[in-house]
Amino acid sequence: MRRLVYLVAVTLDGFIAGPEGGDPTGSDFFPVTPDLVEHLVESWPETLPGPAREAMGITGPGARLDTVIEGRGSYDIGLAAGLTDAYPHLRHLVVSRSLADRTDLPVEVVAGDPVARVRELKAEEGLDIWLVGGGMVAHALLPEIDRLVLKVNPSVIGDGRRLFAGPFAHARFEPVDQVDLPGGVRVVTLDRVR
């Protein structure tokens, strides 16, 4: 069965973006270092946006992931960059009630229950499903998240968009892998304890 993998950059204090939201990539607390890019190219090339893949000459289908799902806030980051589909190499779903009537977008809009939609996706044949973010959709999908891949940055920011944004909910994960990159990012992989 396919897994839902929440792969995201996070600070030591559990934030995936600053208080204003937006794209934190390349900020002081989420620097994009050559060793991080090399790791992503080697291990998770599907997570690179289409323009980056094109610039690097990365082609072909993914080895681990074939579907991406994200919330409206994360999708808006791509829209702000002029991309209606930042991941054209993946099947792309956006969880959003406000986009429900948009038929001009090259993505599937999930206006209903995202948990039910993810369960349908998991029952299909294919590779794993990547949850980009943000924190609100991650919290809604917490019951379905099978694996966390956290790019833990050695930064504390004190406030911002949380890794999981919602009321108290308990889920237990156990570490299965860790890669310490020279630039300071620790890539920690954890699987859900069932």
N, C-alpha and C. Protein backbone atom coordinates (compact mmCIF):
# COMPACT_ATOMS: atom_id res chain seq x y z
N MET A 1 0.84 -1.19 0.00
CA MET A 1 0.00 0.00 0.00
C MET A 1 0.88 1.25 0.00
N ARG A 2 0.42 2.25 -0.69
CA ARG A 2 1.15 3.51 -0.75
C ARG A 2 1.15 4.18 0.62
N ARG A 3 2.21 4.95 0.87
CA ARG A 3 2.32 5.69 2.13
C ARG A 3 2.17 7.18 1.87
N LEU A 4 1.68 7.88 2.88
CA LEU A 4 1.67 9.34 2.87
C LEU A 4 2.91 9.79 3.62
N VAL A 5 3.78 10.52 2.93
CA VAL A 5 5.07 10.95 3.47
C VAL A 5 5.05 12.47 3.61
N TYR A 6 5.17 12.95 4.84
CA TYR A 6 5.24 14.39 5.10
C TYR A 6 6.71 14.75 5.13
N LEU A 7 7.20 15.30 4.02
CA LEU A 7 8.61 15.68 3.88
C LEU A 7 8.66 17.20 3.83
N VAL A 8 9.33 17.79 4.84
CA VAL A 8 9.29 19.24 4.98
C VAL A 8 10.49 19.73 5.78
N ALA A 9 10.88 20.96 5.54
CA ALA A 9 11.92 21.61 6.34
C ALA A 9 11.27 22.15 7.62
N VAL A 10 12.00 22.05 8.72
CA VAL A 10 11.46 22.48 10.02
C VAL A 10 12.59 23.05 10.87
N THR A 11 12.25 24.02 11.71
CA THR A 11 13.23 24.55 12.65
C THR A 11 13.30 23.65 13.88
N LEU A 12 14.29 23.89 14.73
CA LEU A 12 14.41 23.12 15.96
C LEU A 12 13.18 23.27 16.85
N ASP A 13 12.51 24.43 16.76
CA ASP A 13 11.33 24.64 17.60
C ASP A 13 10.02 24.36 16.87
N GLY A 14 10.08 23.62 15.76
CA GLY A 14 8.87 23.07 15.16
C GLY A 14 8.11 23.95 14.19
N PHE A 15 8.78 24.90 13.53
CA PHE A 15 8.10 25.77 12.58
C PHE A 15 8.56 25.48 11.16
N ILE A 16 7.59 25.57 10.22
CA ILE A 16 7.90 25.31 8.81
C ILE A 16 7.95 26.60 7.99
N ALA A 17 7.62 27.71 8.62
CA ALA A 17 7.69 29.03 7.98
C ALA A 17 7.64 30.07 9.09
N GLY A 18 7.97 31.30 8.74
CA GLY A 18 7.89 32.40 9.70
C GLY A 18 6.44 32.79 9.96
N PRO A 19 6.22 33.77 10.84
CA PRO A 19 4.86 34.18 11.19
C PRO A 19 4.04 34.68 10.00
N GLU A 20 4.68 35.25 9.01
CA GLU A 20 3.96 35.78 7.86
C GLU A 20 3.66 34.71 6.82
N GLY A 21 4.16 33.49 7.01
CA GLY A 21 3.97 32.42 6.03
C GLY A 21 4.84 32.67 4.82
N GLY A 22 4.34 32.35 3.66
CA GLY A 22 5.12 32.55 2.44
C GLY A 22 6.21 31.51 2.29
N ASP A 23 7.03 31.70 1.31
CA ASP A 23 8.10 30.74 0.99
C ASP A 23 9.32 31.00 1.87
N PRO A 24 9.61 30.11 2.80
CA PRO A 24 10.76 30.31 3.66
C PRO A 24 12.08 29.83 3.05
N THR A 25 12.01 29.18 1.89
CA THR A 25 13.20 28.62 1.26
C THR A 25 14.24 29.70 1.01
N GLY A 26 15.44 29.44 1.46
CA GLY A 26 16.52 30.39 1.27
C GLY A 26 16.61 31.47 2.34
N SER A 27 15.69 31.46 3.30
CA SER A 27 15.75 32.43 4.40
C SER A 27 16.93 32.09 5.31
N ASP A 28 17.20 32.96 6.24
CA ASP A 28 18.30 32.71 7.19
C ASP A 28 18.09 31.42 7.97
N PHE A 29 16.82 31.08 8.24
CA PHE A 29 16.56 29.88 9.04
C PHE A 29 16.36 28.63 8.20
N PHE A 30 16.19 28.76 6.88
CA PHE A 30 16.13 27.62 5.97
C PHE A 30 17.04 27.86 4.77
N PRO A 31 18.36 27.95 5.01
CA PRO A 31 19.25 28.19 3.86
C PRO A 31 19.29 26.97 2.94
N VAL A 32 19.45 27.23 1.66
CA VAL A 32 19.57 26.17 0.68
C VAL A 32 21.06 26.02 0.38
N THR A 33 21.67 25.06 1.02
CA THR A 33 23.10 24.84 0.88
C THR A 33 23.37 23.78 -0.19
N PRO A 34 24.56 23.81 -0.79
CA PRO A 34 24.87 22.82 -1.84
C PRO A 34 24.71 21.37 -1.36
N ASP A 35 25.06 21.09 -0.11
CA ASP A 35 24.93 19.72 0.38
C ASP A 35 23.47 19.29 0.51
N LEU A 36 22.59 20.23 0.85
CA LEU A 36 21.16 19.92 0.93
C LEU A 36 20.61 19.65 -0.47
N VAL A 37 20.97 20.48 -1.43
CA VAL A 37 20.52 20.26 -2.80
C VAL A 37 21.01 18.91 -3.31
N GLU A 38 22.27 18.59 -3.05
CA GLU A 38 22.83 17.31 -3.48
C GLU A 38 22.06 16.14 -2.86
N HIS A 39 21.73 16.27 -1.57
CA HIS A 39 20.97 15.21 -0.89
C HIS A 39 19.58 15.04 -1.53
N LEU A 40 18.92 16.15 -1.81
CA LEU A 40 17.59 16.06 -2.41
C LEU A 40 17.66 15.46 -3.81
N VAL A 41 18.64 15.86 -4.59
CA VAL A 41 18.80 15.30 -5.94
C VAL A 41 19.02 13.80 -5.88
N GLU A 42 19.84 13.36 -4.92
CA GLU A 42 20.15 11.93 -4.80
C GLU A 42 19.00 11.13 -4.20
N SER A 43 18.34 11.68 -3.18
CA SER A 43 17.36 10.90 -2.41
C SER A 43 15.90 11.22 -2.71
N TRP A 44 15.61 12.47 -3.02
CA TRP A 44 14.22 12.90 -3.21
C TRP A 44 14.10 13.86 -4.40
N PRO A 45 14.54 13.46 -5.61
CA PRO A 45 14.50 14.38 -6.74
C PRO A 45 13.08 14.81 -7.13
N GLU A 46 12.09 14.01 -6.75
CA GLU A 46 10.70 14.34 -7.07
C GLU A 46 10.23 15.59 -6.34
N THR A 47 10.90 15.95 -5.23
CA THR A 47 10.47 17.09 -4.42
C THR A 47 10.98 18.42 -4.95
N LEU A 48 11.81 18.38 -5.95
CA LEU A 48 12.29 19.62 -6.56
C LEU A 48 11.25 20.15 -7.52
N PRO A 49 10.95 21.45 -7.48
CA PRO A 49 9.98 22.02 -8.41
C PRO A 49 10.42 21.82 -9.86
N GLY A 50 9.43 21.82 -10.75
CA GLY A 50 9.69 21.59 -12.17
C GLY A 50 10.80 22.45 -12.74
N PRO A 51 10.80 23.78 -12.52
CA PRO A 51 11.87 24.61 -13.08
C PRO A 51 13.26 24.22 -12.57
N ALA A 52 13.36 23.82 -11.31
CA ALA A 52 14.67 23.40 -10.77
C ALA A 52 15.11 22.08 -11.41
N ARG A 53 14.18 21.16 -11.56
CA ARG A 53 14.51 19.88 -12.21
C ARG A 53 14.98 20.11 -13.64
N GLU A 54 14.28 21.00 -14.34
CA GLU A 54 14.65 21.30 -15.72
C GLU A 54 16.05 21.90 -15.79
N ALA A 55 16.34 22.85 -14.90
CA ALA A 55 17.65 23.50 -14.89
C ALA A 55 18.77 22.51 -14.58
N MET A 56 18.46 21.49 -13.78
CA MET A 56 19.47 20.50 -13.38
C MET A 56 19.51 19.30 -14.32
N GLY A 57 18.61 19.28 -15.31
CA GLY A 57 18.59 18.17 -16.25
C GLY A 57 18.00 16.90 -15.66
N ILE A 58 17.17 17.04 -14.63
CA ILE A 58 16.53 15.87 -14.00
C ILE A 58 15.25 15.58 -14.76
N THR A 59 15.17 14.39 -15.32
CA THR A 59 13.99 14.00 -16.10
C THR A 59 13.51 12.63 -15.62
N GLY A 60 12.42 12.22 -16.17
CA GLY A 60 11.91 10.89 -15.88
C GLY A 60 11.02 10.85 -14.66
N PRO A 61 10.34 9.72 -14.50
CA PRO A 61 9.43 9.57 -13.37
C PRO A 61 10.19 9.42 -12.06
N GLY A 62 9.48 9.62 -10.99
CA GLY A 62 10.08 9.50 -9.67
C GLY A 62 10.34 8.06 -9.28
N ALA A 63 11.27 7.87 -8.37
CA ALA A 63 11.60 6.54 -7.86
C ALA A 63 10.83 6.23 -6.58
N ARG A 64 10.47 7.29 -5.82
CA ARG A 64 9.80 7.08 -4.54
C ARG A 64 8.38 7.65 -4.50
N LEU A 65 8.17 8.76 -5.20
CA LEU A 65 6.91 9.50 -5.12
C LEU A 65 6.34 9.70 -6.51
N ASP A 66 5.01 9.62 -6.62
CA ASP A 66 4.38 9.96 -7.90
C ASP A 66 3.21 10.92 -7.75
N THR A 67 2.94 11.33 -6.50
CA THR A 67 1.81 12.20 -6.22
C THR A 67 2.23 13.20 -5.15
N VAL A 68 1.73 14.43 -5.27
CA VAL A 68 1.99 15.46 -4.27
C VAL A 68 0.65 16.06 -3.85
N ILE A 69 0.50 16.32 -2.56
CA ILE A 69 -0.70 16.96 -2.03
C ILE A 69 -0.26 18.10 -1.13
N GLU A 70 -0.96 19.21 -1.22
CA GLU A 70 -0.61 20.37 -0.41
C GLU A 70 -1.84 21.20 -0.09
N GLY A 71 -1.69 22.04 0.92
CA GLY A 71 -2.74 22.98 1.27
C GLY A 71 -2.69 24.22 0.41
N ARG A 72 -3.71 25.05 0.55
CA ARG A 72 -3.82 26.25 -0.27
C ARG A 72 -2.66 27.20 -0.02
N GLY A 73 -2.24 27.38 1.24
CA GLY A 73 -1.13 28.29 1.53
C GLY A 73 0.15 27.88 0.84
N SER A 74 0.45 26.59 0.84
CA SER A 74 1.64 26.10 0.14
C SER A 74 1.49 26.28 -1.37
N TYR A 75 0.30 26.01 -1.88
CA TYR A 75 0.05 26.17 -3.31
C TYR A 75 0.23 27.63 -3.73
N ASP A 76 -0.18 28.54 -2.88
CA ASP A 76 -0.05 29.97 -3.19
C ASP A 76 1.41 30.39 -3.37
N ILE A 77 2.34 29.69 -2.75
CA ILE A 77 3.76 30.01 -2.93
C ILE A 77 4.14 29.82 -4.39
N GLY A 78 3.71 28.70 -4.97
CA GLY A 78 3.97 28.47 -6.39
C GLY A 78 3.26 29.47 -7.28
N LEU A 79 2.00 29.79 -6.93
CA LEU A 79 1.25 30.77 -7.72
C LEU A 79 1.96 32.12 -7.72
N ALA A 80 2.50 32.52 -6.55
CA ALA A 80 3.22 33.80 -6.46
C ALA A 80 4.45 33.82 -7.37
N ALA A 81 5.00 32.63 -7.63
CA ALA A 81 6.16 32.52 -8.52
C ALA A 81 5.73 32.33 -9.98
N GLY A 82 4.42 32.39 -10.24
CA GLY A 82 3.93 32.23 -11.60
C GLY A 82 3.72 30.78 -12.03
N LEU A 83 3.68 29.86 -11.06
CA LEU A 83 3.53 28.44 -11.38
C LEU A 83 2.17 27.94 -10.93
N THR A 84 1.31 27.56 -11.87
CA THR A 84 0.04 26.96 -11.49
C THR A 84 0.21 25.49 -11.15
N ASP A 85 1.36 24.93 -11.52
CA ASP A 85 1.72 23.55 -11.14
C ASP A 85 3.23 23.49 -10.97
N ALA A 86 3.66 23.64 -9.73
CA ALA A 86 5.10 23.63 -9.45
C ALA A 86 5.71 22.24 -9.61
N TYR A 87 4.87 21.21 -9.65
CA TYR A 87 5.35 19.83 -9.73
C TYR A 87 4.68 19.10 -10.89
N PRO A 88 4.93 19.55 -12.13
CA PRO A 88 4.25 18.94 -13.28
C PRO A 88 4.64 17.48 -13.51
N HIS A 89 5.72 17.04 -12.90
CA HIS A 89 6.18 15.66 -13.02
C HIS A 89 5.44 14.72 -12.07
N LEU A 90 4.59 15.27 -11.19
CA LEU A 90 3.82 14.48 -10.23
C LEU A 90 2.33 14.73 -10.43
N ARG A 91 1.52 13.79 -10.03
CA ARG A 91 0.08 14.03 -9.91
C ARG A 91 -0.09 15.01 -8.75
N HIS A 92 -0.76 16.12 -8.98
CA HIS A 92 -0.74 17.25 -8.03
C HIS A 92 -2.15 17.53 -7.52
N LEU A 93 -2.32 17.48 -6.19
CA LEU A 93 -3.59 17.77 -5.56
C LEU A 93 -3.42 18.94 -4.59
N VAL A 94 -4.43 19.81 -4.55
CA VAL A 94 -4.42 20.95 -3.64
C VAL A 94 -5.70 20.90 -2.81
N VAL A 95 -5.53 20.91 -1.48
CA VAL A 95 -6.67 20.91 -0.57
C VAL A 95 -7.12 22.35 -0.39
N SER A 96 -8.33 22.66 -0.89
CA SER A 96 -8.82 24.03 -0.82
C SER A 96 -10.31 24.08 -1.12
N ARG A 97 -11.07 24.70 -0.24
CA ARG A 97 -12.49 24.95 -0.53
C ARG A 97 -12.63 26.16 -1.46
N SER A 98 -11.74 27.14 -1.29
CA SER A 98 -11.87 28.38 -2.06
C SER A 98 -11.54 28.20 -3.55
N LEU A 99 -10.84 27.13 -3.90
CA LEU A 99 -10.52 26.87 -5.31
C LEU A 99 -11.48 25.86 -5.94
N ALA A 100 -12.53 25.47 -5.22
CA ALA A 100 -13.42 24.40 -5.67
C ALA A 100 -14.01 24.64 -7.06
N ASP A 101 -14.30 25.88 -7.40
CA ASP A 101 -14.93 26.19 -8.68
C ASP A 101 -13.94 26.45 -9.81
N ARG A 102 -12.65 26.39 -9.53
CA ARG A 102 -11.65 26.67 -10.56
C ARG A 102 -11.44 25.44 -11.43
N THR A 103 -11.82 25.53 -12.67
CA THR A 103 -11.64 24.42 -13.60
C THR A 103 -10.46 24.67 -14.54
N ASP A 104 -9.83 25.84 -14.40
CA ASP A 104 -8.74 26.21 -15.29
C ASP A 104 -7.38 25.81 -14.76
N LEU A 105 -7.32 25.21 -13.57
CA LEU A 105 -6.03 24.87 -12.96
C LEU A 105 -5.58 23.47 -13.39
N PRO A 106 -4.28 23.27 -13.57
CA PRO A 106 -3.77 21.97 -13.99
C PRO A 106 -3.54 21.01 -12.82
N VAL A 107 -4.23 21.25 -11.69
CA VAL A 107 -4.12 20.41 -10.50
C VAL A 107 -5.51 19.93 -10.12
N GLU A 108 -5.56 18.87 -9.32
CA GLU A 108 -6.84 18.41 -8.79
C GLU A 108 -7.10 19.16 -7.49
N VAL A 109 -8.24 19.81 -7.41
CA VAL A 109 -8.62 20.53 -6.19
C VAL A 109 -9.47 19.60 -5.32
N VAL A 110 -9.04 19.43 -4.08
CA VAL A 110 -9.76 18.62 -3.11
C VAL A 110 -10.52 19.57 -2.21
N ALA A 111 -11.80 19.75 -2.50
CA ALA A 111 -12.63 20.68 -1.72
C ALA A 111 -13.35 19.96 -0.58
N GLY A 112 -13.42 18.64 -0.66
CA GLY A 112 -14.09 17.85 0.38
C GLY A 112 -13.10 17.38 1.43
N ASP A 113 -13.40 16.23 2.00
CA ASP A 113 -12.61 15.65 3.10
C ASP A 113 -11.25 15.18 2.59
N PRO A 114 -10.15 15.83 3.02
CA PRO A 114 -8.84 15.40 2.53
C PRO A 114 -8.44 14.01 3.03
N VAL A 115 -8.92 13.62 4.21
CA VAL A 115 -8.59 12.28 4.73
C VAL A 115 -9.19 11.21 3.82
N ALA A 116 -10.44 11.39 3.44
CA ALA A 116 -11.09 10.42 2.55
C ALA A 116 -10.36 10.35 1.21
N ARG A 117 -9.94 11.50 0.68
CA ARG A 117 -9.23 11.52 -0.61
C ARG A 117 -7.89 10.82 -0.51
N VAL A 118 -7.17 11.05 0.59
CA VAL A 118 -5.87 10.38 0.76
C VAL A 118 -6.07 8.88 0.91
N ARG A 119 -7.10 8.46 1.59
CA ARG A 119 -7.37 7.01 1.70
C ARG A 119 -7.63 6.40 0.33
N GLU A 120 -8.35 7.13 -0.54
CA GLU A 120 -8.56 6.65 -1.91
C GLU A 120 -7.23 6.55 -2.65
N LEU A 121 -6.40 7.57 -2.51
CA LEU A 121 -5.10 7.55 -3.18
C LEU A 121 -4.24 6.39 -2.70
N LYS A 122 -4.26 6.13 -1.40
CA LYS A 122 -3.46 5.04 -0.84
C LYS A 122 -3.90 3.68 -1.36
N ALA A 123 -5.18 3.55 -1.67
CA ALA A 123 -5.71 2.28 -2.16
C ALA A 123 -5.35 2.03 -3.63
N GLU A 124 -4.94 3.06 -4.33
CA GLU A 124 -4.56 2.92 -5.73
C GLU A 124 -3.16 2.34 -5.85
N GLU A 125 -2.86 1.83 -7.02
CA GLU A 125 -1.49 1.38 -7.32
C GLU A 125 -0.61 2.61 -7.51
N GLY A 126 0.64 2.50 -7.14
CA GLY A 126 1.56 3.60 -7.38
C GLY A 126 2.61 3.73 -6.31
N LEU A 127 3.38 4.79 -6.45
CA LEU A 127 4.44 5.09 -5.48
C LEU A 127 3.84 5.87 -4.32
N ASP A 128 4.68 6.28 -3.39
CA ASP A 128 4.21 7.02 -2.22
C ASP A 128 3.69 8.40 -2.60
N ILE A 129 2.98 8.99 -1.66
CA ILE A 129 2.33 10.30 -1.82
C ILE A 129 3.08 11.29 -0.93
N TRP A 130 3.47 12.40 -1.49
CA TRP A 130 4.22 13.41 -0.75
C TRP A 130 3.29 14.51 -0.27
N LEU A 131 3.29 14.73 1.03
CA LEU A 131 2.59 15.86 1.62
C LEU A 131 3.60 16.98 1.79
N VAL A 132 3.39 18.07 1.04
CA VAL A 132 4.30 19.22 1.08
C VAL A 132 4.06 20.05 2.35
N GLY A 133 2.83 20.29 2.66
CA GLY A 133 2.43 21.17 3.76
C GLY A 133 1.16 21.84 3.33
N GLY A 134 0.71 22.76 4.10
CA GLY A 134 1.29 23.29 5.30
C GLY A 134 0.77 22.60 6.56
N GLY A 135 0.97 23.33 7.66
CA GLY A 135 0.68 22.78 8.97
C GLY A 135 -0.77 22.43 9.21
N MET A 136 -1.69 23.21 8.65
CA MET A 136 -3.11 22.93 8.87
C MET A 136 -3.54 21.65 8.14
N VAL A 137 -3.13 21.49 6.90
CA VAL A 137 -3.50 20.28 6.17
C VAL A 137 -2.73 19.09 6.75
N ALA A 138 -1.51 19.29 7.24
CA ALA A 138 -0.77 18.21 7.88
C ALA A 138 -1.49 17.74 9.14
N HIS A 139 -2.01 18.67 9.91
CA HIS A 139 -2.76 18.29 11.11
C HIS A 139 -4.03 17.51 10.72
N ALA A 140 -4.74 17.98 9.70
CA ALA A 140 -5.95 17.29 9.24
C ALA A 140 -5.63 15.88 8.76
N LEU A 141 -4.47 15.71 8.12
CA LEU A 141 -4.08 14.41 7.57
C LEU A 141 -3.24 13.57 8.52
N LEU A 142 -3.02 14.04 9.73
CA LEU A 142 -2.17 13.31 10.69
C LEU A 142 -2.57 11.84 10.82
N PRO A 143 -3.86 11.49 10.86
CA PRO A 143 -4.19 10.07 10.98
C PRO A 143 -3.69 9.22 9.81
N GLU A 144 -3.43 9.83 8.67
CA GLU A 144 -3.00 9.10 7.48
C GLU A 144 -1.51 9.20 7.20
N ILE A 145 -0.78 10.01 7.95
CA ILE A 145 0.66 10.17 7.69
C ILE A 145 1.38 8.92 8.19
N ASP A 146 2.11 8.28 7.28
CA ASP A 146 2.84 7.05 7.59
C ASP A 146 4.31 7.30 7.87
N ARG A 147 4.86 8.34 7.28
CA ARG A 147 6.29 8.62 7.41
C ARG A 147 6.51 10.12 7.48
N LEU A 148 7.41 10.53 8.36
CA LEU A 148 7.87 11.90 8.43
C LEU A 148 9.32 11.93 7.94
N VAL A 149 9.62 12.84 7.05
CA VAL A 149 11.00 13.11 6.65
C VAL A 149 11.21 14.59 6.94
N LEU A 150 11.91 14.86 8.02
CA LEU A 150 12.08 16.23 8.50
C LEU A 150 13.49 16.71 8.21
N LYS A 151 13.56 17.80 7.46
CA LYS A 151 14.86 18.44 7.21
C LYS A 151 15.03 19.45 8.35
N VAL A 152 15.62 18.99 9.44
CA VAL A 152 15.71 19.79 10.66
C VAL A 152 16.87 20.77 10.54
N ASN A 153 16.52 22.05 10.52
CA ASN A 153 17.51 23.11 10.40
C ASN A 153 17.94 23.56 11.79
N PRO A 154 19.21 23.88 11.99
CA PRO A 154 19.71 24.25 13.31
C PRO A 154 19.37 25.70 13.67
N SER A 155 18.08 26.03 13.61
CA SER A 155 17.60 27.38 13.87
C SER A 155 16.41 27.34 14.81
N VAL A 156 16.30 28.39 15.60
CA VAL A 156 15.13 28.61 16.45
C VAL A 156 14.57 29.97 16.05
N ILE A 157 13.24 30.02 15.77
CA ILE A 157 12.65 31.29 15.36
C ILE A 157 11.57 31.79 16.32
N GLY A 158 11.11 30.95 17.24
CA GLY A 158 10.21 31.40 18.29
C GLY A 158 8.76 31.53 17.93
N ASP A 159 8.44 31.77 16.67
CA ASP A 159 7.06 31.92 16.24
C ASP A 159 7.00 31.68 14.74
N GLY A 160 5.84 31.24 14.27
CA GLY A 160 5.68 31.01 12.85
C GLY A 160 4.60 30.01 12.58
N ARG A 161 4.67 29.41 11.39
CA ARG A 161 3.71 28.39 10.98
C ARG A 161 4.20 27.04 11.51
N ARG A 162 3.35 26.39 12.27
CA ARG A 162 3.73 25.15 12.94
C ARG A 162 3.75 23.95 11.99
N LEU A 163 4.57 22.98 12.34
CA LEU A 163 4.67 21.72 11.60
C LEU A 163 3.30 21.05 11.52
N PHE A 164 2.57 21.04 12.63
CA PHE A 164 1.19 20.57 12.70
C PHE A 164 0.39 21.66 13.39
N ALA A 165 -0.54 22.28 12.69
CA ALA A 165 -1.31 23.39 13.24
C ALA A 165 -2.74 22.94 13.49
N GLY A 166 -3.06 22.72 14.76
CA GLY A 166 -4.41 22.29 15.12
C GLY A 166 -4.46 21.92 16.58
N PRO A 167 -5.61 21.44 17.02
CA PRO A 167 -5.76 21.09 18.43
C PRO A 167 -4.97 19.84 18.79
N PHE A 168 -4.89 19.57 20.07
CA PHE A 168 -4.13 18.43 20.58
C PHE A 168 -4.53 17.15 19.86
N ALA A 169 -3.53 16.42 19.40
CA ALA A 169 -3.72 15.10 18.79
C ALA A 169 -2.42 14.34 18.99
N HIS A 170 -2.52 13.09 19.38
CA HIS A 170 -1.32 12.31 19.65
C HIS A 170 -1.10 11.27 18.55
N ALA A 171 0.11 11.19 18.08
CA ALA A 171 0.54 10.14 17.15
C ALA A 171 2.00 9.86 17.48
N ARG A 172 2.38 8.61 17.42
CA ARG A 172 3.75 8.23 17.77
C ARG A 172 4.50 7.76 16.52
N PHE A 173 5.72 8.27 16.38
CA PHE A 173 6.61 7.90 15.28
C PHE A 173 7.94 7.46 15.86
N GLU A 174 8.60 6.53 15.17
CA GLU A 174 9.92 6.07 15.62
C GLU A 174 10.95 6.35 14.55
N PRO A 175 12.16 6.78 14.97
CA PRO A 175 13.21 7.07 13.99
C PRO A 175 13.68 5.81 13.28
N VAL A 176 13.87 5.93 11.95
CA VAL A 176 14.37 4.81 11.16
C VAL A 176 15.62 5.17 10.38
N ASP A 177 15.91 6.49 10.27
CA ASP A 177 17.11 6.90 9.54
C ASP A 177 17.43 8.35 9.89
N GLN A 178 18.71 8.67 9.79
CA GLN A 178 19.14 10.06 9.99
C GLN A 178 20.38 10.31 9.15
N VAL A 179 20.37 11.44 8.45
CA VAL A 179 21.52 11.85 7.64
C VAL A 179 21.91 13.24 8.13
N ASP A 180 23.13 13.37 8.63
CA ASP A 180 23.65 14.66 9.08
C ASP A 180 24.46 15.28 7.95
N LEU A 181 23.94 16.38 7.41
CA LEU A 181 24.62 17.04 6.30
C LEU A 181 25.67 18.02 6.82
N PRO A 182 26.76 18.21 6.09
CA PRO A 182 27.84 19.10 6.55
C PRO A 182 27.39 20.53 6.83
N GLY A 183 26.36 21.01 6.11
CA GLY A 183 25.88 22.38 6.30
C GLY A 183 25.05 22.58 7.56
N GLY A 184 24.76 21.50 8.29
CA GLY A 184 24.04 21.61 9.56
C GLY A 184 22.63 21.06 9.56
N VAL A 185 22.06 20.77 8.39
CA VAL A 185 20.72 20.20 8.34
C VAL A 185 20.81 18.71 8.68
N ARG A 186 19.88 18.26 9.51
CA ARG A 186 19.77 16.85 9.88
C ARG A 186 18.49 16.33 9.25
N VAL A 187 18.59 15.36 8.36
CA VAL A 187 17.41 14.79 7.70
C VAL A 187 17.02 13.54 8.50
N VAL A 188 15.90 13.66 9.21
CA VAL A 188 15.45 12.61 10.11
C VAL A 188 14.20 11.95 9.51
N THR A 189 14.23 10.63 9.39
CA THR A 189 13.10 9.87 8.89
C THR A 189 12.49 9.07 10.02
N LEU A 190 11.17 9.21 10.19
CA LEU A 190 10.45 8.52 11.25
C LEU A 190 9.22 7.84 10.65
N ASP A 191 8.95 6.62 11.11
CA ASP A 191 7.76 5.89 10.65
C ASP A 191 6.75 5.82 11.78
N ARG A 192 5.47 5.87 11.41
CA ARG A 192 4.38 5.78 12.39
C ARG A 192 4.43 4.43 13.12
N VAL A 193 4.23 4.48 14.41
CA VAL A 193 4.09 3.27 15.20
C VAL A 193 2.61 2.90 15.17
N ARG A 194 2.31 1.74 14.65
CA ARG A 194 0.90 1.29 14.52
C ARG A 194 0.54 0.36 15.65
